[in-house]
C-alpha cells in the first residue's frame, strides 16, 4: 500500500485537488491511505476508496513530490 502523510496546516485545497487527479489517472491494485498530521501532534488516518487505488511507480511518487514540494509518500 501507499501511505501519504500531509501536514494539515501546510496543505491547500488546490494541492488536494491535484493529488486526487493524479491518483485518479494512475489507477491500479495498490490501496492508498492518508495520514493527516495536525499542528498539535494529533493524526487522522483515512483509507481512500477503490477509485483511488494506484499503480505504484515514478508517475505517482514524483507527481506527489511535485505537488507538495517534498516526499510525502511511503510504500508499505
Protein backbone atom coordinates (compact mmCIF):
# COMPACT_ATOMS: atom_id res chain seq x y z
CA UNK A 1 0.00 0.00 0.00
CA UNK A 2 0.93 3.65 -0.25
CA UNK A 3 0.68 5.98 2.74
CA UNK A 4 0.60 9.73 2.06
CA UNK A 5 1.47 11.91 5.06
CA UNK A 6 0.31 15.53 4.90
CA UNK A 7 0.65 18.41 7.34
CA UNK A 8 -2.86 19.89 7.55
CA UNK A 9 -1.72 23.49 8.12
CA UNK A 10 0.61 23.36 5.08
CA UNK A 11 -1.75 21.62 2.63
CA UNK A 12 -4.03 23.66 0.37
CA UNK A 13 -7.32 22.62 -1.25
CA UNK A 14 -5.63 23.10 -4.65
CA UNK A 15 -2.94 20.57 -3.70
CA UNK A 16 -5.61 18.07 -2.63
CA UNK A 17 -7.41 18.53 -5.96
CA UNK A 18 -4.14 17.90 -7.84
CA UNK A 19 -3.47 14.82 -5.73
CA UNK A 20 -6.96 13.44 -6.43
CA UNK A 21 -6.46 13.99 -10.17
CA UNK A 22 -3.05 12.25 -10.09
CA UNK A 23 -4.34 9.27 -8.14
CA UNK A 24 -7.40 9.00 -10.39
CA UNK A 25 -5.33 8.80 -13.56
CA UNK A 26 -2.85 6.21 -12.25
CA UNK A 27 -5.34 3.54 -11.20
CA UNK A 28 -4.05 0.13 -10.20
CA UNK A 29 -4.22 -2.50 -7.44
CA UNK A 30 -2.44 -0.67 -4.62
CA UNK A 31 -4.58 0.87 -1.82
CA UNK A 32 -3.82 4.41 -0.66
CA UNK A 33 -4.15 5.84 2.83
CA UNK A 34 -3.77 9.41 4.07
CA UNK A 35 -2.20 10.41 7.35
CA UNK A 36 -3.27 13.96 8.22
CA UNK A 37 -0.92 15.45 10.82
CA UNK A 38 -2.31 18.31 12.91
CA UNK A 39 -0.28 21.11 14.45
CA UNK A 40 -0.95 19.80 17.99
CA UNK A 41 0.51 16.38 17.16
CA UNK A 42 -2.80 14.59 16.60
CA UNK A 43 -3.12 12.46 13.47
CA UNK A 44 -6.09 11.29 11.43
CA UNK A 45 -5.81 8.11 9.35
CA UNK A 46 -8.03 7.80 6.27
CA UNK A 47 -8.23 4.85 3.89
CA UNK A 48 -9.11 6.10 0.39
CA UNK A 49 -11.75 4.25 -1.63
CA UNK A 50 -11.19 1.92 -4.55
CA UNK A 51 -11.38 4.81 -7.04
CA UNK A 52 -8.02 5.94 -5.69
CA UNK A 53 -6.09 2.66 -5.78
CA UNK A 54 -2.93 3.24 -7.81
CA UNK A 55 -0.24 1.62 -9.89
CA UNK A 56 2.86 2.48 -7.88
CA UNK A 57 5.64 3.97 -9.99
CA UNK A 58 7.54 7.11 -10.80
CA UNK A 59 4.45 8.90 -12.07
CA UNK A 60 2.72 8.66 -8.69
CA UNK A 61 5.75 9.14 -6.44
CA UNK A 62 7.35 12.02 -8.35
CA UNK A 63 3.93 13.54 -9.05
CA UNK A 64 3.14 13.71 -5.33
CA UNK A 65 6.56 15.21 -4.63
CA UNK A 66 5.96 17.91 -7.27
CA UNK A 67 2.52 18.74 -5.86
CA UNK A 68 3.62 19.00 -2.22
CA UNK A 69 7.24 20.11 -2.67
CA UNK A 70 8.63 17.25 -0.60
CA UNK A 71 8.45 13.47 -0.26
CA UNK A 72 5.07 12.65 1.27
CA UNK A 73 4.54 9.04 0.10
CA UNK A 74 5.75 5.90 1.82
CA UNK A 75 5.41 2.39 0.45
CA UNK A 76 4.24 -0.18 2.97
